[in-house]
Structures are given as C-alpha cells and as structure tokens.
Full PDB file with SEQRES, HELIX, SHEET, SSBOND, CRYST1, ORIGX, SCALE, CONECT and MASTER records, all heavy atoms in Angstrom:
SEQRES   1 A   42  ALA LEU VAL ILE GLY LEU ILE LYS GLU ARG ALA THR PHE          
SEQRES   2 A   42  ILE SER ASP PHE TRP GLU LEU SER SER PHE PHE PHE LYS          
SEQRES   3 A   42  ALA PRO GLU ASN PHE GLU ALA LYS ALA SER LYS LYS ALA          
SEQRES   4 A   42  PHE LYS ASP                                                  
HELIX    1 AA1 LEU A    2  ILE A    7  1                                   6    
HELIX    2 AA2 LYS A    8  ARG A   10  5                                   3    
HELIX    3 AA3 ILE A   14  ASP A   16  5                                   3    
HELIX    4 AA4 PHE A   17  SER A   21  1                                   5    
HELIX    5 AA5 SER A   22  PHE A   24  5                                   3    
HELIX    6 AA6 ALA A   33  ALA A   39  1                                   7    
CRYST1    1.000    1.000    1.000  90.00  90.00  90.00 P 1           1          
ORIGX1      1.000000  0.000000  0.000000        0.00000                         
ORIGX2      0.000000  1.000000  0.000000        0.00000                         
ORIGX3      0.000000  0.000000  1.000000        0.00000                         
SCALE1      1.000000  0.000000  0.000000        0.00000                         
SCALE2      0.000000  1.000000  0.000000        0.00000                         
SCALE3      0.000000  0.000000  1.000000        0.00000                         
ATOM      1  N   ALA A   1       4.018  14.001  65.915  1.00  0.00           N  
ATOM      2  CA  ALA A   1       2.578  14.266  65.948  1.00  0.00           C  
ATOM      3  C   ALA A   1       1.772  12.960  65.909  1.00  0.00           C  
ATOM      4  O   ALA A   1       0.750  12.826  66.601  1.00  0.00           O  
ATOM      5  CB  ALA A   1       2.181  15.159  64.779  1.00  0.00           C  
ATOM      6  N   LEU A   2       2.234  11.985  65.131  1.00  0.00           N  
ATOM      7  CA  LEU A   2       1.558  10.686  65.078  1.00  0.00           C  
ATOM      8  C   LEU A   2       1.642   9.976  66.427  1.00  0.00           C  
ATOM      9  O   LEU A   2       0.678   9.358  66.888  1.00  0.00           O  
ATOM     10  CB  LEU A   2       2.184   9.809  63.982  1.00  0.00           C  
ATOM     11  CG  LEU A   2       1.922  10.235  62.537  1.00  0.00           C  
ATOM     12  CD1 LEU A   2       2.741   9.375  61.579  1.00  0.00           C  
ATOM     13  CD2 LEU A   2       0.432  10.136  62.199  1.00  0.00           C  
ATOM     14  N   VAL A   3       2.794  10.068  67.060  1.00  0.00           N  
ATOM     15  CA  VAL A   3       2.979   9.469  68.391  1.00  0.00           C  
ATOM     16  C   VAL A   3       2.019  10.107  69.386  1.00  0.00           C  
ATOM     17  O   VAL A   3       1.351   9.414  70.163  1.00  0.00           O  
ATOM     18  CB  VAL A   3       4.440   9.636  68.868  1.00  0.00           C  
ATOM     19  CG1 VAL A   3       4.571   9.236  70.339  1.00  0.00           C  
ATOM     20  CG2 VAL A   3       5.384   8.812  68.004  1.00  0.00           C  
ATOM     21  N   ILE A   4       1.936  11.440  69.357  1.00  0.00           N  
ATOM     22  CA  ILE A   4       1.057  12.154  70.290  1.00  0.00           C  
ATOM     23  C   ILE A   4      -0.387  11.716  70.109  1.00  0.00           C  
ATOM     24  O   ILE A   4      -1.136  11.573  71.089  1.00  0.00           O  
ATOM     25  CB  ILE A   4       1.224  13.671  70.112  1.00  0.00           C  
ATOM     26  CG1 ILE A   4       2.574  14.107  70.689  1.00  0.00           C  
ATOM     27  CG2 ILE A   4       0.079  14.447  70.787  1.00  0.00           C  
ATOM     28  CD1 ILE A   4       2.958  15.524  70.393  1.00  0.00           C  
ATOM     29  N   GLY A   5      -0.782  11.471  68.877  1.00  0.00           N  
ATOM     30  CA  GLY A   5      -2.136  10.997  68.623  1.00  0.00           C  
ATOM     31  C   GLY A   5      -2.446   9.681  69.306  1.00  0.00           C  
ATOM     32  O   GLY A   5      -3.597   9.396  69.643  1.00  0.00           O  
ATOM     33  N   LEU A   6      -1.414   8.885  69.561  1.00  0.00           N  
ATOM     34  CA  LEU A   6      -1.600   7.588  70.205  1.00  0.00           C  
ATOM     35  C   LEU A   6      -1.596   7.663  71.730  1.00  0.00           C  
ATOM     36  O   LEU A   6      -2.161   6.787  72.398  1.00  0.00           O  
ATOM     37  CB  LEU A   6      -0.502   6.620  69.750  1.00  0.00           C  
ATOM     38  CG  LEU A   6      -0.506   6.220  68.272  1.00  0.00           C  
ATOM     39  CD1 LEU A   6       0.744   5.410  67.944  1.00  0.00           C  
ATOM     40  CD2 LEU A   6      -1.761   5.420  67.932  1.00  0.00           C  
ATOM     41  N   ILE A   7      -0.954   8.692  72.284  1.00  0.00           N  
ATOM     42  CA  ILE A   7      -0.753   8.693  73.746  1.00  0.00           C  
ATOM     43  C   ILE A   7      -1.421   9.847  74.492  1.00  0.00           C  
ATOM     44  O   ILE A   7      -1.501   9.835  75.716  1.00  0.00           O  
ATOM     45  CB  ILE A   7       0.761   8.667  74.101  1.00  0.00           C  
ATOM     46  CG1 ILE A   7       1.515   9.839  73.457  1.00  0.00           C  
ATOM     47  CG2 ILE A   7       1.375   7.348  73.681  1.00  0.00           C  
ATOM     48  CD1 ILE A   7       1.736  11.027  74.320  1.00  0.00           C  
ATOM     49  N   LYS A   8      -1.926  10.856  73.777  1.00  0.00           N  
ATOM     50  CA  LYS A   8      -2.369  12.064  74.500  1.00  0.00           C  
ATOM     51  C   LYS A   8      -3.626  11.840  75.339  1.00  0.00           C  
ATOM     52  O   LYS A   8      -3.895  12.617  76.261  1.00  0.00           O  
ATOM     53  CB  LYS A   8      -2.556  13.235  73.541  1.00  0.00           C  
ATOM     54  CG  LYS A   8      -3.789  13.204  72.667  1.00  0.00           C  
ATOM     55  CD  LYS A   8      -3.881  14.508  71.869  1.00  0.00           C  
ATOM     56  CE  LYS A   8      -5.154  14.569  71.049  1.00  0.00           C  
ATOM     57  NZ  LYS A   8      -5.228  15.830  70.261  1.00  0.00           N  
ATOM     58  N   GLU A   9      -4.401  10.795  75.043  1.00  0.00           N  
ATOM     59  CA  GLU A   9      -5.604  10.559  75.846  1.00  0.00           C  
ATOM     60  C   GLU A   9      -5.264  10.214  77.293  1.00  0.00           C  
ATOM     61  O   GLU A   9      -6.108  10.311  78.179  1.00  0.00           O  
ATOM     62  CB  GLU A   9      -6.453   9.450  75.235  1.00  0.00           C  
ATOM     63  CG  GLU A   9      -5.836   8.068  75.301  1.00  0.00           C  
ATOM     64  CD  GLU A   9      -6.735   7.000  74.678  1.00  0.00           C  
ATOM     65  OE1 GLU A   9      -7.397   7.283  73.667  1.00  0.00           O  
ATOM     66  OE2 GLU A   9      -6.750   5.894  75.236  1.00  0.00           O  
ATOM     67  N   ARG A  10      -4.005   9.851  77.538  1.00  0.00           N  
ATOM     68  CA  ARG A  10      -3.567   9.556  78.911  1.00  0.00           C  
ATOM     69  C   ARG A  10      -2.788  10.723  79.521  1.00  0.00           C  
ATOM     70  O   ARG A  10      -2.268  10.606  80.622  1.00  0.00           O  
ATOM     71  CB  ARG A  10      -2.711   8.292  78.924  1.00  0.00           C  
ATOM     72  CG  ARG A  10      -3.496   7.017  78.688  1.00  0.00           C  
ATOM     73  CD  ARG A  10      -2.609   5.778  78.689  1.00  0.00           C  
ATOM     74  NE  ARG A  10      -1.800   5.690  77.477  1.00  0.00           N  
ATOM     75  CZ  ARG A  10      -2.268   5.220  76.298  1.00  0.00           C  
ATOM     76  NH1 ARG A  10      -3.512   4.820  76.197  1.00  0.00           N  
ATOM     77  NH2 ARG A  10      -1.482   5.161  75.242  1.00  0.00           N  
ATOM     78  N   ALA A  11      -2.697  11.830  78.787  1.00  0.00           N  
ATOM     79  CA  ALA A  11      -1.884  12.967  79.237  1.00  0.00           C  
ATOM     80  C   ALA A  11      -2.760  14.115  79.732  1.00  0.00           C  
ATOM     81  O   ALA A  11      -3.854  14.355  79.224  1.00  0.00           O  
ATOM     82  CB  ALA A  11      -0.995  13.457  78.105  1.00  0.00           C  
ATOM     83  N   THR A  12      -2.249  14.822  80.725  1.00  0.00           N  
ATOM     84  CA  THR A  12      -2.881  16.053  81.196  1.00  0.00           C  
ATOM     85  C   THR A  12      -2.074  17.266  80.771  1.00  0.00           C  
ATOM     86  O   THR A  12      -2.613  18.322  80.480  1.00  0.00           O  
ATOM     87  CB  THR A  12      -3.024  16.040  82.732  1.00  0.00           C  
ATOM     88  OG1 THR A  12      -3.831  14.925  83.108  1.00  0.00           O  
ATOM     89  CG2 THR A  12      -3.663  17.314  83.254  1.00  0.00           C  
ATOM     90  N   PHE A  13      -0.745  17.090  80.723  1.00  0.00           N  
ATOM     91  CA  PHE A  13       0.167  18.169  80.334  1.00  0.00           C  
ATOM     92  C   PHE A  13       1.124  17.669  79.247  1.00  0.00           C  
ATOM     93  O   PHE A  13       1.378  16.468  79.140  1.00  0.00           O  
ATOM     94  CB  PHE A  13       0.992  18.638  81.533  1.00  0.00           C  
ATOM     95  CG  PHE A  13       0.171  19.078  82.708  1.00  0.00           C  
ATOM     96  CD1 PHE A  13       0.063  18.268  83.831  1.00  0.00           C  
ATOM     97  CD2 PHE A  13      -0.498  20.287  82.695  1.00  0.00           C  
ATOM     98  CE1 PHE A  13      -0.691  18.658  84.922  1.00  0.00           C  
ATOM     99  CE2 PHE A  13      -1.264  20.690  83.785  1.00  0.00           C  
ATOM    100  CZ  PHE A  13      -1.359  19.873  84.896  1.00  0.00           C  
ATOM    101  N   ILE A  14       1.681  18.602  78.496  1.00  0.00           N  
ATOM    102  CA  ILE A  14       2.693  18.243  77.501  1.00  0.00           C  
ATOM    103  C   ILE A  14       3.888  17.600  78.193  1.00  0.00           C  
ATOM    104  O   ILE A  14       4.536  16.707  77.636  1.00  0.00           O  
ATOM    105  CB  ILE A  14       3.116  19.495  76.700  1.00  0.00           C  
ATOM    106  CG1 ILE A  14       1.944  19.973  75.838  1.00  0.00           C  
ATOM    107  CG2 ILE A  14       4.326  19.203  75.821  1.00  0.00           C  
ATOM    108  CD1 ILE A  14       2.180  21.280  75.118  1.00  0.00           C  
ATOM    109  N   SER A  15       4.144  18.011  79.423  1.00  0.00           N  
ATOM    110  CA  SER A  15       5.266  17.429  80.178  1.00  0.00           C  
ATOM    111  C   SER A  15       5.052  15.955  80.500  1.00  0.00           C  
ATOM    112  O   SER A  15       5.983  15.254  80.893  1.00  0.00           O  
ATOM    113  CB  SER A  15       5.504  18.218  81.464  1.00  0.00           C  
ATOM    114  OG  SER A  15       4.329  18.247  82.257  1.00  0.00           O  
ATOM    115  N   ASP A  16       3.828  15.455  80.320  1.00  0.00           N  
ATOM    116  CA  ASP A  16       3.557  14.028  80.530  1.00  0.00           C  
ATOM    117  C   ASP A  16       3.978  13.181  79.330  1.00  0.00           C  
ATOM    118  O   ASP A  16       4.096  11.954  79.441  1.00  0.00           O  
ATOM    119  CB  ASP A  16       2.047  13.792  80.759  1.00  0.00           C  
ATOM    120  CG  ASP A  16       1.522  14.452  82.014  1.00  0.00           C  
ATOM    121  OD1 ASP A  16       2.316  14.674  82.942  1.00  0.00           O  
ATOM    122  OD2 ASP A  16       0.310  14.742  82.053  1.00  0.00           O  
ATOM    123  N   PHE A  17       4.168  13.823  78.178  1.00  0.00           N  
ATOM    124  CA  PHE A  17       4.365  13.068  76.938  1.00  0.00           C  
ATOM    125  C   PHE A  17       5.582  12.143  76.962  1.00  0.00           C  
ATOM    126  O   PHE A  17       5.523  11.023  76.463  1.00  0.00           O  
ATOM    127  CB  PHE A  17       4.494  14.022  75.743  1.00  0.00           C  
ATOM    128  CG  PHE A  17       3.208  14.663  75.309  1.00  0.00           C  
ATOM    129  CD1 PHE A  17       3.209  15.704  74.384  1.00  0.00           C  
ATOM    130  CD2 PHE A  17       1.984  14.244  75.813  1.00  0.00           C  
ATOM    131  CE1 PHE A  17       2.038  16.296  73.967  1.00  0.00           C  
ATOM    132  CE2 PHE A  17       0.794  14.831  75.411  1.00  0.00           C  
ATOM    133  CZ  PHE A  17       0.831  15.865  74.486  1.00  0.00           C  
ATOM    134  N   TRP A  18       6.694  12.619  77.516  1.00  0.00           N  
ATOM    135  CA  TRP A  18       7.926  11.829  77.426  1.00  0.00           C  
ATOM    136  C   TRP A  18       7.784  10.488  78.138  1.00  0.00           C  
ATOM    137  O   TRP A  18       8.148   9.446  77.596  1.00  0.00           O  
ATOM    138  CB  TRP A  18       9.117  12.615  77.974  1.00  0.00           C  
ATOM    139  CG  TRP A  18      10.402  11.848  77.826  1.00  0.00           C  
ATOM    140  CD1 TRP A  18      11.139  11.280  78.809  1.00  0.00           C  
ATOM    141  CD2 TRP A  18      11.080  11.556  76.610  1.00  0.00           C  
ATOM    142  NE1 TRP A  18      12.246  10.641  78.295  1.00  0.00           N  
ATOM    143  CE2 TRP A  18      12.236  10.791  76.937  1.00  0.00           C  
ATOM    144  CE3 TRP A  18      10.838  11.856  75.263  1.00  0.00           C  
ATOM    145  CZ2 TRP A  18      13.146  10.337  75.975  1.00  0.00           C  
ATOM    146  CZ3 TRP A  18      11.738  11.401  74.308  1.00  0.00           C  
ATOM    147  CH2 TRP A  18      12.867  10.651  74.660  1.00  0.00           C  
ATOM    148  N   GLU A  19       7.241  10.526  79.333  1.00  0.00           N  
ATOM    149  CA  GLU A  19       7.069   9.277  80.082  1.00  0.00           C  
ATOM    150  C   GLU A  19       6.111   8.330  79.352  1.00  0.00           C  
ATOM    151  O   GLU A  19       6.272   7.107  79.407  1.00  0.00           O  
ATOM    152  CB  GLU A  19       6.527   9.569  81.481  1.00  0.00           C  
ATOM    153  CG  GLU A  19       6.435   8.327  82.363  1.00  0.00           C  
ATOM    154  CD  GLU A  19       5.909   8.620  83.753  1.00  0.00           C  
ATOM    155  OE1 GLU A  19       5.818   9.802  84.126  1.00  0.00           O  
ATOM    156  OE2 GLU A  19       5.577   7.660  84.473  1.00  0.00           O  
ATOM    157  N   LEU A  20       5.130   8.892  78.661  1.00  0.00           N  
ATOM    158  CA  LEU A  20       4.138   8.082  77.952  1.00  0.00           C  
ATOM    159  C   LEU A  20       4.625   7.587  76.595  1.00  0.00           C  
ATOM    160  O   LEU A  20       4.031   6.659  76.031  1.00  0.00           O  
ATOM    161  CB  LEU A  20       2.850   8.887  77.744  1.00  0.00           C  
ATOM    162  CG  LEU A  20       2.042   9.249  78.992  1.00  0.00           C  
ATOM    163  CD1 LEU A  20       0.964  10.270  78.653  1.00  0.00           C  
ATOM    164  CD2 LEU A  20       1.414   7.994  79.601  1.00  0.00           C  
ATOM    165  N   SER A  21       5.694   8.188  76.069  1.00  0.00           N  
ATOM    166  CA  SER A  21       6.045   7.903  74.675  1.00  0.00           C  
ATOM    167  C   SER A  21       7.526   7.702  74.384  1.00  0.00           C  
ATOM    168  O   SER A  21       7.892   7.506  73.226  1.00  0.00           O  
ATOM    169  CB  SER A  21       5.552   9.050  73.794  1.00  0.00           C  
ATOM    170  OG  SER A  21       6.322  10.232  74.036  1.00  0.00           O  
ATOM    171  N   SER A  22       8.381   7.739  75.386  1.00  0.00           N  
ATOM    172  CA  SER A  22       9.829   7.691  75.116  1.00  0.00           C  
ATOM    173  C   SER A  22      10.239   6.477  74.281  1.00  0.00           C  
ATOM    174  O   SER A  22      11.166   6.544  73.469  1.00  0.00           O  
ATOM    175  CB  SER A  22      10.604   7.697  76.441  1.00  0.00           C  
ATOM    176  OG  SER A  22      10.271   6.556  77.210  1.00  0.00           O  
ATOM    177  N   PHE A  23       9.528   5.364  74.437  1.00  0.00           N  
ATOM    178  CA  PHE A  23       9.865   4.131  73.715  1.00  0.00           C  
ATOM    179  C   PHE A  23       9.599   4.235  72.209  1.00  0.00           C  
ATOM    180  O   PHE A  23      10.055   3.396  71.439  1.00  0.00           O  
ATOM    181  CB  PHE A  23       9.091   2.940  74.301  1.00  0.00           C  
ATOM    182  CG  PHE A  23       7.627   3.198  74.481  1.00  0.00           C  
ATOM    183  CD1 PHE A  23       6.727   3.016  73.447  1.00  0.00           C  
ATOM    184  CD2 PHE A  23       7.132   3.653  75.704  1.00  0.00           C  
ATOM    185  CE1 PHE A  23       5.383   3.265  73.609  1.00  0.00           C  
ATOM    186  CE2 PHE A  23       5.769   3.899  75.880  1.00  0.00           C  
ATOM    187  CZ  PHE A  23       4.897   3.714  74.826  1.00  0.00           C  
ATOM    188  N   PHE A  24       8.858   5.266  71.780  1.00  0.00           N  
ATOM    189  CA  PHE A  24       8.678   5.489  70.345  1.00  0.00           C  
ATOM    190  C   PHE A  24       9.938   6.091  69.717  1.00  0.00           C  
ATOM    191  O   PHE A  24      10.109   6.063  68.507  1.00  0.00           O  
ATOM    192  CB  PHE A  24       7.505   6.440  70.083  1.00  0.00           C  
ATOM    193  CG  PHE A  24       6.154   5.795  70.173  1.00  0.00           C  
ATOM    194  CD1 PHE A  24       5.338   6.005  71.281  1.00  0.00           C  
ATOM    195  CD2 PHE A  24       5.684   4.984  69.156  1.00  0.00           C  
ATOM    196  CE1 PHE A  24       4.073   5.422  71.360  1.00  0.00           C  
ATOM    197  CE2 PHE A  24       4.428   4.391  69.222  1.00  0.00           C  
ATOM    198  CZ  PHE A  24       3.636   4.607  70.327  1.00  0.00           C  
ATOM    199  N   PHE A  25      10.796   6.640  70.544  1.00  0.00           N  
ATOM    200  CA  PHE A  25      11.963   7.362  70.049  1.00  0.00           C  
ATOM    201  C   PHE A  25      13.279   6.663  70.349  1.00  0.00           C  
ATOM    202  O   PHE A  25      14.279   6.899  69.686  1.00  0.00           O  
ATOM    203  CB  PHE A  25      11.973   8.779  70.647  1.00  0.00           C  
ATOM    204  CG  PHE A  25      10.671   9.499  70.451  1.00  0.00           C  
ATOM    205  CD1 PHE A  25       9.801   9.712  71.519  1.00  0.00           C  
ATOM    206  CD2 PHE A  25      10.290   9.949  69.193  1.00  0.00           C  
ATOM    207  CE1 PHE A  25       8.591  10.367  71.345  1.00  0.00           C  
ATOM    208  CE2 PHE A  25       9.082  10.613  69.011  1.00  0.00           C  
ATOM    209  CZ  PHE A  25       8.230  10.820  70.083  1.00  0.00           C  
ATOM    210  N   LYS A  26      13.291   5.807  71.355  1.00  0.00           N  
ATOM    211  CA  LYS A  26      14.506   5.058  71.671  1.00  0.00           C  
ATOM    212  C   LYS A  26      14.109   3.761  72.369  1.00  0.00           C  
ATOM    213  O   LYS A  26      13.090   3.689  73.057  1.00  0.00           O  
ATOM    214  CB  LYS A  26      15.451   5.876  72.543  1.00  0.00           C  
ATOM    215  CG  LYS A  26      14.916   6.229  73.918  1.00  0.00           C  
ATOM    216  CD  LYS A  26      15.974   6.963  74.734  1.00  0.00           C  
ATOM    217  CE  LYS A  26      15.507   7.176  76.178  1.00  0.00           C  
ATOM    218  NZ  LYS A  26      16.544   7.808  77.004  1.00  0.00           N  
ATOM    219  N   ALA A  27      14.951   2.735  72.167  1.00  0.00           N  
ATOM    220  CA  ALA A  27      14.666   1.426  72.763  1.00  0.00           C  
ATOM    221  C   ALA A  27      14.790   1.508  74.282  1.00  0.00           C  
ATOM    222  O   ALA A  27      15.627   2.260  74.803  1.00  0.00           O  
ATOM    223  CB  ALA A  27      15.633   0.398  72.224  1.00  0.00           C  
ATOM    224  N   PRO A  28      13.950   0.757  74.999  1.00  0.00           N  
ATOM    225  CA  PRO A  28      14.085   0.758  76.468  1.00  0.00           C  
ATOM    226  C   PRO A  28      15.453   0.237  76.887  1.00  0.00           C  
ATOM    227  O   PRO A  28      15.963  -0.729  76.312  1.00  0.00           O  
ATOM    228  CB  PRO A  28      12.954  -0.171  76.924  1.00  0.00           C  
ATOM    229  CG  PRO A  28      12.613  -0.997  75.741  1.00  0.00           C  
ATOM    230  CD  PRO A  28      12.877  -0.149  74.544  1.00  0.00           C  
ATOM    231  N   GLU A  29      16.045   0.885  77.870  1.00  0.00           N  
ATOM    232  CA  GLU A  29      17.382   0.484  78.324  1.00  0.00           C  
ATOM    233  C   GLU A  29      17.316  -0.682  79.299  1.00  0.00           C  
ATOM    234  O   GLU A  29      18.275  -1.439  79.438  1.00  0.00           O  
ATOM    235  CB  GLU A  29      18.088   1.686  78.961  1.00  0.00           C  
ATOM    236  CG  GLU A  29      18.363   2.793  77.960  1.00  0.00           C  
ATOM    237  CD  GLU A  29      18.968   4.028  78.604  1.00  0.00           C  
ATOM    238  OE1 GLU A  29      19.205   3.993  79.838  1.00  0.00           O  
ATOM    239  OE2 GLU A  29      19.190   5.021  77.884  1.00  0.00           O  
ATOM    240  N   ASN A  30      16.211  -0.828  79.987  1.00  0.00           N  
ATOM    241  CA  ASN A  30      16.034  -1.965  80.884  1.00  0.00           C  
ATOM    242  C   ASN A  30      14.556  -2.316  80.966  1.00  0.00           C  
ATOM    243  O   ASN A  30      13.712  -1.585  80.450  1.00  0.00           O  
ATOM    244  CB  ASN A  30      16.608  -1.661  82.287  1.00  0.00           C  
ATOM    245  CG  ASN A  30      16.176  -0.298  82.787  1.00  0.00           C  
ATOM    246  OD1 ASN A  30      14.983  -0.013  82.842  1.00  0.00           O  
ATOM    247  ND2 ASN A  30      17.138   0.558  83.119  1.00  0.00           N  
ATOM    248  N   PHE A  31      14.275  -3.437  81.592  1.00  0.00           N  
ATOM    249  CA  PHE A  31      12.905  -3.926  81.668  1.00  0.00           C  
ATOM    250  C   PHE A  31      12.434  -3.906  83.123  1.00  0.00           C  
ATOM    251  O   PHE A  31      13.144  -4.399  84.010  1.00  0.00           O  
ATOM    252  CB  PHE A  31      12.822  -5.341  81.093  1.00  0.00           C  
ATOM    253  CG  PHE A  31      13.429  -5.454  79.716  1.00  0.00           C  
ATOM    254  CD1 PHE A  31      14.543  -6.259  79.488  1.00  0.00           C  
ATOM    255  CD2 PHE A  31      12.900  -4.738  78.656  1.00  0.00           C  
ATOM    256  CE1 PHE A  31      15.103  -6.340  78.223  1.00  0.00           C  
ATOM    257  CE2 PHE A  31      13.461  -4.821  77.390  1.00  0.00           C  
ATOM    258  CZ  PHE A  31      14.560  -5.623  77.169  1.00  0.00           C  
ATOM    259  N   GLU A  32      11.258  -3.350  83.344  1.00  0.00           N  
ATOM    260  CA  GLU A  32      10.719  -3.195  84.696  1.00  0.00           C  
ATOM    261  C   GLU A  32      10.613  -4.563  85.376  1.00  0.00           C  
ATOM    262  O   GLU A  32      10.073  -5.521  84.813  1.00  0.00           O  
ATOM    263  CB  GLU A  32       9.336  -2.532  84.604  1.00  0.00           C  
ATOM    264  CG  GLU A  32       8.929  -1.793  85.872  1.00  0.00           C  
ATOM    265  CD  GLU A  32       8.327  -2.713  86.907  1.00  0.00           C  
ATOM    266  OE1 GLU A  32       7.631  -3.668  86.513  1.00  0.00           O  
ATOM    267  OE2 GLU A  32       8.579  -2.494  88.111  1.00  0.00           O  
ATOM    268  N   ALA A  33      11.153  -4.650  86.581  1.00  0.00           N  
ATOM    269  CA  ALA A  33      11.340  -5.953  87.244  1.00  0.00           C  
ATOM    270  C   ALA A  33      10.024  -6.677  87.519  1.00  0.00           C  
ATOM    271  O   ALA A  33       9.877  -7.863  87.211  1.00  0.00           O  
ATOM    272  CB  ALA A  33      12.110  -5.741  88.544  1.00  0.00           C  
ATOM    273  N   LYS A  34       9.047  -5.954  88.089  1.00  0.00           N  
ATOM    274  CA  LYS A  34       7.776  -6.589  88.446  1.00  0.00           C  
ATOM    275  C   LYS A  34       7.038  -7.082  87.212  1.00  0.00           C  
ATOM    276  O   LYS A  34       6.485  -8.193  87.188  1.00  0.00           O  
ATOM    277  CB  LYS A  34       6.914  -5.591  89.227  1.00  0.00           C  
ATOM    278  CG  LYS A  34       5.685  -6.202  89.864  1.00  0.00           C  
ATOM    279  CD  LYS A  34       4.959  -5.165  90.724  1.00  0.00           C  
ATOM    280  CE  LYS A  34       3.713  -5.785  91.358  1.00  0.00           C  
ATOM    281  NZ  LYS A  34       2.991  -4.782  92.197  1.00  0.00           N  
ATOM    282  N   ALA A  35       7.044  -6.256  86.164  1.00  0.00           N  
ATOM    283  CA  ALA A  35       6.383  -6.637  84.914  1.00  0.00           C  
ATOM    284  C   ALA A  35       7.092  -7.827  84.275  1.00  0.00           C  
ATOM    285  O   ALA A  35       6.448  -8.751  83.757  1.00  0.00           O  
ATOM    286  CB  ALA A  35       6.370  -5.448  83.956  1.00  0.00           C  
ATOM    287  N   SER A  36       8.417  -7.838  84.324  1.00  0.00           N  
ATOM    288  CA  SER A  36       9.194  -8.931  83.724  1.00  0.00           C  
ATOM    289  C   SER A  36       8.913 -10.252  84.432  1.00  0.00           C  
ATOM    290  O   SER A  36       8.761 -11.299  83.789  1.00  0.00           O  
ATOM    291  CB  SER A  36      10.694  -8.617  83.810  1.00  0.00           C  
ATOM    292  OG  SER A  36      10.990  -7.438  83.090  1.00  0.00           O  
ATOM    293  N   LYS A  37       8.829 -10.201  85.739  1.00  0.00           N  
ATOM    294  CA  LYS A  37       8.549 -11.417  86.514  1.00  0.00           C  
ATOM    295  C   LYS A  37       7.189 -11.994  86.139  1.00  0.00           C  
ATOM    296  O   LYS A  37       6.999 -13.214  86.077  1.00  0.00           O  
ATOM    297  CB  LYS A  37       8.596 -11.089  88.003  1.00  0.00           C  
ATOM    298  CG  LYS A  37       8.473 -12.306  88.909  1.00  0.00           C  
ATOM    299  CD  LYS A  37       8.632 -11.907  90.374  1.00  0.00           C  
ATOM    300  CE  LYS A  37       8.535 -13.131  91.280  1.00  0.00           C  
ATOM    301  NZ  LYS A  37       8.665 -12.757  92.716  1.00  0.00           N  
ATOM    302  N   LYS A  38       6.249 -11.098  85.866  1.00  0.00           N  
ATOM    303  CA  LYS A  38       4.901 -11.527  85.499  1.00  0.00           C  
ATOM    304  C   LYS A  38       4.849 -12.085  84.076  1.00  0.00           C  
ATOM    305  O   LYS A  38       4.128 -13.062  83.803  1.00  0.00           O  
ATOM    306  CB  LYS A  38       3.948 -10.330  85.614  1.00  0.00           C  
ATOM    307  CG  LYS A  38       2.505 -10.662  85.284  1.00  0.00           C  
ATOM    308  CD  LYS A  38       1.622  -9.433  85.455  1.00  0.00           C  
ATOM    309  CE  LYS A  38       0.162  -9.763  85.129  1.00  0.00           C  
ATOM    310  NZ  LYS A  38      -0.710  -8.551  85.275  1.00  0.00           N  
ATOM    311  N   ALA A  39       5.656 -11.524  83.166  1.00  0.00           N  
ATOM    312  CA  ALA A  39       5.539 -11.860  81.744  1.00  0.00           C  
ATOM    313  C   ALA A  39       6.493 -12.953  81.277  1.00  0.00           C  
ATOM    314  O   ALA A  39       6.163 -13.743  80.391  1.00  0.00           O  
ATOM    315  CB  ALA A  39       5.768 -10.601  80.911  1.00  0.00           C  
ATOM    316  N   PHE A  40       7.692 -12.981  81.859  1.00  0.00           N  
ATOM    317  CA  PHE A  40       8.710 -13.921  81.377  1.00  0.00           C  
ATOM    318  C   PHE A  40       8.552 -15.290  82.048  1.00  0.00           C  
ATOM    319  O   PHE A  40       8.659 -15.410  83.265  1.00  0.00           O  
ATOM    320  CB  PHE A  40      10.116 -13.380  81.629  1.00  0.00           C  
ATOM    321  CG  PHE A  40      10.409 -12.103  80.871  1.00  0.00           C  
ATOM    322  CD1 PHE A  40      11.440 -11.263  81.289  1.00  0.00           C  
ATOM    323  CD2 PHE A  40       9.679 -11.748  79.748  1.00  0.00           C  
ATOM    324  CE1 PHE A  40      11.720 -10.092  80.602  1.00  0.00           C  
ATOM    325  CE2 PHE A  40       9.951 -10.570  79.057  1.00  0.00           C  
ATOM    326  CZ  PHE A  40      10.973  -9.746  79.482  1.00  0.00           C  
ATOM    327  N   LYS A  41       8.334 -16.336  81.222  1.00  0.00           N  
ATOM    328  CA  LYS A  41       8.190 -17.707  81.704  1.00  0.00           C  
ATOM    329  C   LYS A  41       9.264 -18.585  81.057  1.00  0.00           C  
ATOM    330  O   LYS A  41      10.077 -18.107  80.267  1.00  0.00           O  
ATOM    331  CB  LYS A  41       6.785 -18.248  81.364  1.00  0.00           C  
ATOM    332  CG  LYS A  41       5.631 -17.369  81.844  1.00  0.00           C  
ATOM    333  CD  LYS A  41       5.619 -17.187  83.366  1.00  0.00           C  
ATOM    334  CE  LYS A  41       4.473 -16.288  83.815  1.00  0.00           C  
ATOM    335  NZ  LYS A  41       4.507 -16.019  85.260  1.00  0.00           N  
ATOM    336  N   ASP A  42       9.226 -19.858  81.393  1.00  0.00           N  
ATOM    337  CA  ASP A  42      10.250 -20.778  80.866  1.00  0.00           C  
ATOM    338  C   ASP A  42      10.222 -20.865  79.349  1.00  0.00           C  
ATOM    339  O   ASP A  42      11.264 -21.051  78.708  1.00  0.00           O  
ATOM    340  CB  ASP A  42      10.056 -22.182  81.466  1.00  0.00           C  
ATOM    341  CG  ASP A  42      10.352 -22.206  82.964  1.00  0.00           C  
ATOM    342  OD1 ASP A  42      11.040 -21.269  83.437  1.00  0.00           O  
ATOM    343  OD2 ASP A  42       9.881 -23.130  83.647  1.00  0.00           O  
TER     344      ASP A  42                                                      
MASTER        0    0    0    6    0    0    0    6  343    1    0    4          
END                                                                             
C-alpha cells in the first residue's frame, strides 16, 4: 500500500502497477542500455 501511494499517480489501471513498481519488490536484473550509456561515465 505504501508503494502504491508513491506510484499510482502515473497509473491508469491496477495492471500498470507492476511495471511502475517492480523494483520495490526485487532488484533489477539488468540495466536499460540507453539509460546506462547516458548515466555511466568514467
């Protein structure tokens, strides 16, 4: 319920919750390539 309070403003359906919040329940298995290229520097 606390997690939902943080993410529901971006949701239209309950089925949207997992994509918006999965990282609250388990660590990401990989890092998005485009975002990583932008964020990771020397």
